[in-house]
All heavy atoms as atom14 arrays in JSON, in Angstrom:
{
  "sequence": "GEMSIVGPRPHALRTTAGGRMCEDVVDRYSR",
  "atom14_mask": [
    [1, 1, 1, 1, 0, 0, 0, 0, 0, 0, 0, 0, 0, 0],
    [1, 1, 1, 1, 1, 1, 1, 1, 1, 0, 0, 0, 0, 0],
    [1, 1, 1, 1, 1, 1, 1, 1, 0, 0, 0, 0, 0, 0],
    [1, 1, 1, 1, 1, 1, 0, 0, 0, 0, 0, 0, 0, 0],
    [1, 1, 1, 1, 1, 1, 1, 1, 0, 0, 0, 0, 0, 0],
    [1, 1, 1, 1, 1, 1, 1, 0, 0, 0, 0, 0, 0, 0],
    [1, 1, 1, 1, 0, 0, 0, 0, 0, 0, 0, 0, 0, 0],
    [1, 1, 1, 1, 1, 1, 1, 0, 0, 0, 0, 0, 0, 0],
    [1, 1, 1, 1, 1, 1, 1, 1, 1, 1, 1, 0, 0, 0],
    [1, 1, 1, 1, 1, 1, 1, 0, 0, 0, 0, 0, 0, 0],
    [1, 1, 1, 1, 1, 1, 1, 1, 1, 1, 0, 0, 0, 0],
    [1, 1, 1, 1, 1, 0, 0, 0, 0, 0, 0, 0, 0, 0],
    [1, 1, 1, 1, 1, 1, 1, 1, 0, 0, 0, 0, 0, 0],
    [1, 1, 1, 1, 1, 1, 1, 1, 1, 1, 1, 0, 0, 0],
    [1, 1, 1, 1, 1, 1, 1, 0, 0, 0, 0, 0, 0, 0],
    [1, 1, 1, 1, 1, 1, 1, 0, 0, 0, 0, 0, 0, 0],
    [1, 1, 1, 1, 1, 0, 0, 0, 0, 0, 0, 0, 0, 0],
    [1, 1, 1, 1, 0, 0, 0, 0, 0, 0, 0, 0, 0, 0],
    [1, 1, 1, 1, 0, 0, 0, 0, 0, 0, 0, 0, 0, 0],
    [1, 1, 1, 1, 1, 1, 1, 1, 1, 1, 1, 0, 0, 0],
    [1, 1, 1, 1, 1, 1, 1, 1, 0, 0, 0, 0, 0, 0],
    [1, 1, 1, 1, 1, 1, 0, 0, 0, 0, 0, 0, 0, 0],
    [1, 1, 1, 1, 1, 1, 1, 1, 1, 0, 0, 0, 0, 0],
    [1, 1, 1, 1, 1, 1, 1, 1, 0, 0, 0, 0, 0, 0],
    [1, 1, 1, 1, 1, 1, 1, 0, 0, 0, 0, 0, 0, 0],
    [1, 1, 1, 1, 1, 1, 1, 0, 0, 0, 0, 0, 0, 0],
    [1, 1, 1, 1, 1, 1, 1, 1, 0, 0, 0, 0, 0, 0],
    [1, 1, 1, 1, 1, 1, 1, 1, 1, 1, 1, 0, 0, 0],
    [1, 1, 1, 1, 1, 1, 1, 1, 1, 1, 1, 1, 0, 0],
    [1, 1, 1, 1, 1, 1, 0, 0, 0, 0, 0, 0, 0, 0],
    [1, 1, 1, 1, 1, 1, 1, 1, 1, 1, 1, 0, 0, 0]
  ],
  "atom14_positions": [
    [[12.1, -48.75, -178.07], [12.87, -49.87, -178.57], [14.36, -49.75, -178.33], [15.14, -50.58, -178.83], [0.0, 0.0, 0.0], [0.0, 0.0, 0.0], [0.0, 0.0, 0.0], [0.0, 0.0, 0.0], [0.0, 0.0, 0.0], [0.0, 0.0, 0.0], [0.0, 0.0, 0.0], [0.0, 0.0, 0.0], [0.0, 0.0, 0.0], [0.0, 0.0, 0.0]],
    [[14.79, -48.77, -177.54], [16.21, -48.57, -177.27], [16.69, -49.39, -176.08], [17.89, -49.67, -175.96], [16.49, -47.09, -177.01], [16.15, -46.19, -178.18], [16.13, -44.72, -177.8], [15.87, -44.42, -176.61], [16.35, -43.88, -178.68], [0.0, 0.0, 0.0], [0.0, 0.0, 0.0], [0.0, 0.0, 0.0], [0.0, 0.0, 0.0], [0.0, 0.0, 0.0]],
    [[15.75, -49.74, -175.2], [16.08, -50.51, -174.0], [15.06, -51.61, -173.81], [14.04, -51.66, -174.5], [16.11, -49.59, -172.76], [17.23, -48.58, -172.74], [17.2, -47.53, -171.24], [17.45, -48.75, -169.94], [0.0, 0.0, 0.0], [0.0, 0.0, 0.0], [0.0, 0.0, 0.0], [0.0, 0.0, 0.0], [0.0, 0.0, 0.0], [0.0, 0.0, 0.0]],
    [[15.36, -52.49, -172.87], [14.44, -53.56, -172.48], [14.17, -53.41, -170.98], [14.9, -52.71, -170.28], [15.05, -54.93, -172.78], [14.18, -55.97, -172.43], [0.0, 0.0, 0.0], [0.0, 0.0, 0.0], [0.0, 0.0, 0.0], [0.0, 0.0, 0.0], [0.0, 0.0, 0.0], [0.0, 0.0, 0.0], [0.0, 0.0, 0.0], [0.0, 0.0, 0.0]],
    [[13.11, -54.04, -170.5], [12.84, -53.99, -169.07], [13.98, -54.64, -168.29], [14.45, -54.13, -167.28], [11.5, -54.68, -168.73], [10.33, -53.91, -169.36], [11.31, -54.8, -167.24], [10.16, -52.5, -168.82], [0.0, 0.0, 0.0], [0.0, 0.0, 0.0], [0.0, 0.0, 0.0], [0.0, 0.0, 0.0], [0.0, 0.0, 0.0], [0.0, 0.0, 0.0]],
    [[14.45, -55.79, -168.77], [15.53, -56.51, -168.11], [16.69, -56.67, -169.09], [16.51, -57.05, -170.25], [15.07, -57.9, -167.63], [16.22, -58.63, -166.94], [13.88, -57.78, -166.7], [0.0, 0.0, 0.0], [0.0, 0.0, 0.0], [0.0, 0.0, 0.0], [0.0, 0.0, 0.0], [0.0, 0.0, 0.0], [0.0, 0.0, 0.0], [0.0, 0.0, 0.0]],
    [[17.89, -56.38, -168.61], [19.09, -56.5, -169.43], [20.25, -55.85, -168.71], [20.09, -55.28, -167.62], [0.0, 0.0, 0.0], [0.0, 0.0, 0.0], [0.0, 0.0, 0.0], [0.0, 0.0, 0.0], [0.0, 0.0, 0.0], [0.0, 0.0, 0.0], [0.0, 0.0, 0.0], [0.0, 0.0, 0.0], [0.0, 0.0, 0.0], [0.0, 0.0, 0.0]],
    [[21.44, -55.91, -169.26], [22.59, -55.22, -168.63], [22.33, -53.72, -168.54], [21.88, -53.11, -169.51], [23.75, -55.54, -169.59], [23.31, -56.73, -170.36], [21.82, -56.63, -170.49], [0.0, 0.0, 0.0], [0.0, 0.0, 0.0], [0.0, 0.0, 0.0], [0.0, 0.0, 0.0], [0.0, 0.0, 0.0], [0.0, 0.0, 0.0], [0.0, 0.0, 0.0]],
    [[22.6, -53.13, -167.41], [22.38, -51.7, -167.25], [23.3, -50.92, -168.17], [24.5, -51.22, -168.29], [22.64, -51.28, -165.8], [21.53, -51.67, -164.84], [20.27, -50.87, -165.08], [20.49, -49.44, -164.84], [19.75, -48.47, -165.38], [18.78, -48.78, -166.23], [19.98, -47.22, -165.11], [0.0, 0.0, 0.0], [0.0, 0.0, 0.0], [0.0, 0.0, 0.0]],
    [[22.77, -49.88, -168.85], [23.63, -49.08, -169.74], [24.57, -48.19, -168.93], [24.18, -47.61, -167.92], [22.6, -48.25, -170.52], [21.43, -48.12, -169.61], [21.37, -49.41, -168.83], [0.0, 0.0, 0.0], [0.0, 0.0, 0.0], [0.0, 0.0, 0.0], [0.0, 0.0, 0.0], [0.0, 0.0, 0.0], [0.0, 0.0, 0.0], [0.0, 0.0, 0.0]],
    [[25.8, -48.09, -169.38], [26.8, -47.25, -168.72], [27.0, -45.96, -169.5], [26.91, -45.96, -170.74], [28.14, -47.99, -168.6], [28.1, -49.16, -167.67], [29.11, -50.09, -167.6], [27.17, -49.55, -166.77], [28.81, -51.0, -166.7], [27.63, -50.7, -166.19], [0.0, 0.0, 0.0], [0.0, 0.0, 0.0], [0.0, 0.0, 0.0], [0.0, 0.0, 0.0]],
    [[27.27, -44.9, -168.78], [27.59, -43.63, -169.43], [28.89, -43.76, -170.22], [29.72, -44.64, -169.95], [27.7, -42.52, -168.39], [0.0, 0.0, 0.0], [0.0, 0.0, 0.0], [0.0, 0.0, 0.0], [0.0, 0.0, 0.0], [0.0, 0.0, 0.0], [0.0, 0.0, 0.0], [0.0, 0.0, 0.0], [0.0, 0.0, 0.0], [0.0, 0.0, 0.0]],
    [[29.09, -42.87, -171.18], [30.21, -43.0, -172.11], [31.57, -42.94, -171.43], [32.5, -43.61, -171.83], [30.12, -41.91, -173.18], [28.83, -41.86, -174.02], [28.99, -40.86, -175.15], [28.49, -43.24, -174.56], [0.0, 0.0, 0.0], [0.0, 0.0, 0.0], [0.0, 0.0, 0.0], [0.0, 0.0, 0.0], [0.0, 0.0, 0.0], [0.0, 0.0, 0.0]],
    [[31.68, -42.16, -170.38], [32.98, -41.97, -169.74], [33.04, -42.65, -168.37], [33.79, -42.23, -167.5], [33.28, -40.47, -169.61], [33.34, -39.76, -170.95], [33.68, -38.28, -170.78], [34.98, -38.1, -170.14], [36.14, -38.12, -170.78], [36.16, -38.33, -172.09], [37.26, -37.93, -170.14], [0.0, 0.0, 0.0], [0.0, 0.0, 0.0], [0.0, 0.0, 0.0]],
    [[32.25, -43.7, -168.19], [32.24, -44.42, -166.91], [33.6, -45.08, -166.67], [34.17, -45.7, -167.57], [31.14, -45.48, -166.88], [29.87, -44.84, -167.07], [31.12, -46.21, -165.55], [0.0, 0.0, 0.0], [0.0, 0.0, 0.0], [0.0, 0.0, 0.0], [0.0, 0.0, 0.0], [0.0, 0.0, 0.0], [0.0, 0.0, 0.0], [0.0, 0.0, 0.0]],
    [[34.08, -44.97, -165.45], [35.37, -45.56, -165.09], [35.21, -46.47, -163.88], [34.23, -46.41, -163.16], [36.41, -44.47, -164.76], [35.92, -43.68, -163.66], [36.64, -43.56, -165.96], [0.0, 0.0, 0.0], [0.0, 0.0, 0.0], [0.0, 0.0, 0.0], [0.0, 0.0, 0.0], [0.0, 0.0, 0.0], [0.0, 0.0, 0.0], [0.0, 0.0, 0.0]],
    [[36.21, -47.3, -163.67], [36.28, -48.15, -162.49], [37.71, -48.1, -161.98], [38.64, -48.47, -162.7], [35.88, -49.59, -162.83], [0.0, 0.0, 0.0], [0.0, 0.0, 0.0], [0.0, 0.0, 0.0], [0.0, 0.0, 0.0], [0.0, 0.0, 0.0], [0.0, 0.0, 0.0], [0.0, 0.0, 0.0], [0.0, 0.0, 0.0], [0.0, 0.0, 0.0]],
    [[37.89, -47.63, -160.78], [39.24, -47.5, -160.24], [40.09, -46.52, -161.02], [41.31, -46.67, -161.1], [0.0, 0.0, 0.0], [0.0, 0.0, 0.0], [0.0, 0.0, 0.0], [0.0, 0.0, 0.0], [0.0, 0.0, 0.0], [0.0, 0.0, 0.0], [0.0, 0.0, 0.0], [0.0, 0.0, 0.0], [0.0, 0.0, 0.0], [0.0, 0.0, 0.0]],
    [[39.44, -45.53, -161.64], [40.17, -44.51, -162.4], [40.49, -44.91, -163.82], [41.11, -44.14, -164.56], [0.0, 0.0, 0.0], [0.0, 0.0, 0.0], [0.0, 0.0, 0.0], [0.0, 0.0, 0.0], [0.0, 0.0, 0.0], [0.0, 0.0, 0.0], [0.0, 0.0, 0.0], [0.0, 0.0, 0.0], [0.0, 0.0, 0.0], [0.0, 0.0, 0.0]],
    [[40.09, -46.08, -164.27], [40.37, -46.54, -165.64], [39.07, -46.75, -166.39], [38.05, -47.11, -165.81], [41.16, -47.85, -165.62], [42.52, -47.77, -164.95], [43.14, -49.15, -164.85], [43.35, -49.75, -166.17], [43.6, -51.04, -166.36], [43.63, -51.87, -165.31], [43.79, -51.52, -167.57], [0.0, 0.0, 0.0], [0.0, 0.0, 0.0], [0.0, 0.0, 0.0]],
    [[39.12, -46.52, -167.7], [37.95, -46.74, -168.54], [37.57, -48.23, -168.51], [38.44, -49.1, -168.44], [38.22, -46.29, -169.97], [38.51, -44.8, -170.1], [37.08, -43.78, -169.66], [35.94, -44.19, -171.0], [0.0, 0.0, 0.0], [0.0, 0.0, 0.0], [0.0, 0.0, 0.0], [0.0, 0.0, 0.0], [0.0, 0.0, 0.0], [0.0, 0.0, 0.0]],
    [[36.27, -48.48, -168.55], [35.78, -49.85, -168.43], [36.39, -50.76, -169.5], [36.75, -51.92, -169.21], [34.25, -49.88, -168.55], [33.41, -49.01, -167.21], [0.0, 0.0, 0.0], [0.0, 0.0, 0.0], [0.0, 0.0, 0.0], [0.0, 0.0, 0.0], [0.0, 0.0, 0.0], [0.0, 0.0, 0.0], [0.0, 0.0, 0.0], [0.0, 0.0, 0.0]],
    [[36.51, -50.27, -170.74], [37.05, -51.09, -171.82], [38.49, -51.5, -171.56], [38.96, -52.54, -172.04], [36.99, -50.33, -173.15], [35.57, -49.99, -173.61], [35.12, -48.64, -173.07], [35.69, -48.18, -172.04], [34.21, -48.05, -173.66], [0.0, 0.0, 0.0], [0.0, 0.0, 0.0], [0.0, 0.0, 0.0], [0.0, 0.0, 0.0], [0.0, 0.0, 0.0]],
    [[39.23, -50.69, -170.77], [40.62, -51.0, -170.47], [40.75, -52.0, -169.32], [41.78, -52.65, -169.18], [41.38, -49.71, -170.11], [41.4, -48.72, -171.26], [41.38, -49.18, -172.43], [41.43, -47.5, -171.01], [0.0, 0.0, 0.0], [0.0, 0.0, 0.0], [0.0, 0.0, 0.0], [0.0, 0.0, 0.0], [0.0, 0.0, 0.0], [0.0, 0.0, 0.0]],
    [[39.71, -52.11, -168.51], [39.76, -53.01, -167.36], [39.35, -54.43, -167.75], [39.99, -55.4, -167.36], [38.84, -52.49, -166.23], [38.82, -53.48, -165.06], [39.3, -51.12, -165.77], [0.0, 0.0, 0.0], [0.0, 0.0, 0.0], [0.0, 0.0, 0.0], [0.0, 0.0, 0.0], [0.0, 0.0, 0.0], [0.0, 0.0, 0.0], [0.0, 0.0, 0.0]],
    [[38.27, -54.56, -168.53], [37.73, -55.87, -168.92], [37.69, -55.95, -170.44], [36.98, -55.17, -171.08], [36.31, -56.07, -168.34], [35.77, -57.45, -168.73], [36.32, -55.91, -166.83], [0.0, 0.0, 0.0], [0.0, 0.0, 0.0], [0.0, 0.0, 0.0], [0.0, 0.0, 0.0], [0.0, 0.0, 0.0], [0.0, 0.0, 0.0], [0.0, 0.0, 0.0]],
    [[38.44, -56.88, -171.01], [38.5, -56.97, -172.47], [37.19, -57.46, -173.07], [36.94, -57.27, -174.26], [39.66, -57.86, -172.91], [39.57, -59.27, -172.35], [38.65, -59.54, -171.53], [40.41, -60.11, -172.72], [0.0, 0.0, 0.0], [0.0, 0.0, 0.0], [0.0, 0.0, 0.0], [0.0, 0.0, 0.0], [0.0, 0.0, 0.0], [0.0, 0.0, 0.0]],
    [[36.33, -58.12, -172.26], [35.03, -58.6, -172.76], [33.91, -57.6, -172.53], [32.74, -57.92, -172.68], [34.68, -59.91, -172.05], [35.66, -61.04, -172.28], [35.19, -62.32, -171.6], [35.11, -62.16, -170.15], [34.51, -63.01, -169.32], [33.91, -64.08, -169.83], [34.49, -62.82, -168.03], [0.0, 0.0, 0.0], [0.0, 0.0, 0.0], [0.0, 0.0, 0.0]],
    [[34.29, -56.39, -172.17], [33.3, -55.39, -171.77], [32.22, -55.17, -172.83], [31.02, -55.13, -172.53], [34.0, -54.07, -171.46], [33.07, -52.94, -171.1], [32.51, -52.86, -169.83], [32.74, -51.95, -172.03], [31.64, -51.83, -169.5], [31.89, -50.93, -171.71], [31.34, -50.87, -170.44], [30.48, -49.85, -170.12], [0.0, 0.0, 0.0], [0.0, 0.0, 0.0]],
    [[32.61, -55.05, -174.09], [31.65, -54.71, -175.15], [30.67, -55.85, -175.45], [29.66, -55.62, -176.1], [32.4, -54.34, -176.44], [33.1, -53.14, -176.27], [0.0, 0.0, 0.0], [0.0, 0.0, 0.0], [0.0, 0.0, 0.0], [0.0, 0.0, 0.0], [0.0, 0.0, 0.0], [0.0, 0.0, 0.0], [0.0, 0.0, 0.0], [0.0, 0.0, 0.0]],
    [[30.93, -57.06, -174.95], [30.0, -58.16, -175.22], [28.66, -57.96, -174.52], [27.67, -58.56, -174.9], [30.63, -59.48, -174.77], [31.85, -59.86, -175.58], [32.37, -61.22, -175.16], [33.69, -61.47, -175.72], [34.43, -62.53, -175.45], [33.96, -63.46, -174.62], [35.63, -62.69, -175.98], [0.0, 0.0, 0.0], [0.0, 0.0, 0.0], [0.0, 0.0, 0.0]]
  ]
}
């Protein structure tokens, strides 16, 4: 019950994009 077959792929806790944390790049990230 932690995941679904289809849905947004889970990201690792320290995943970055372009050297920045995902939450800092996209303000809607947590949605």
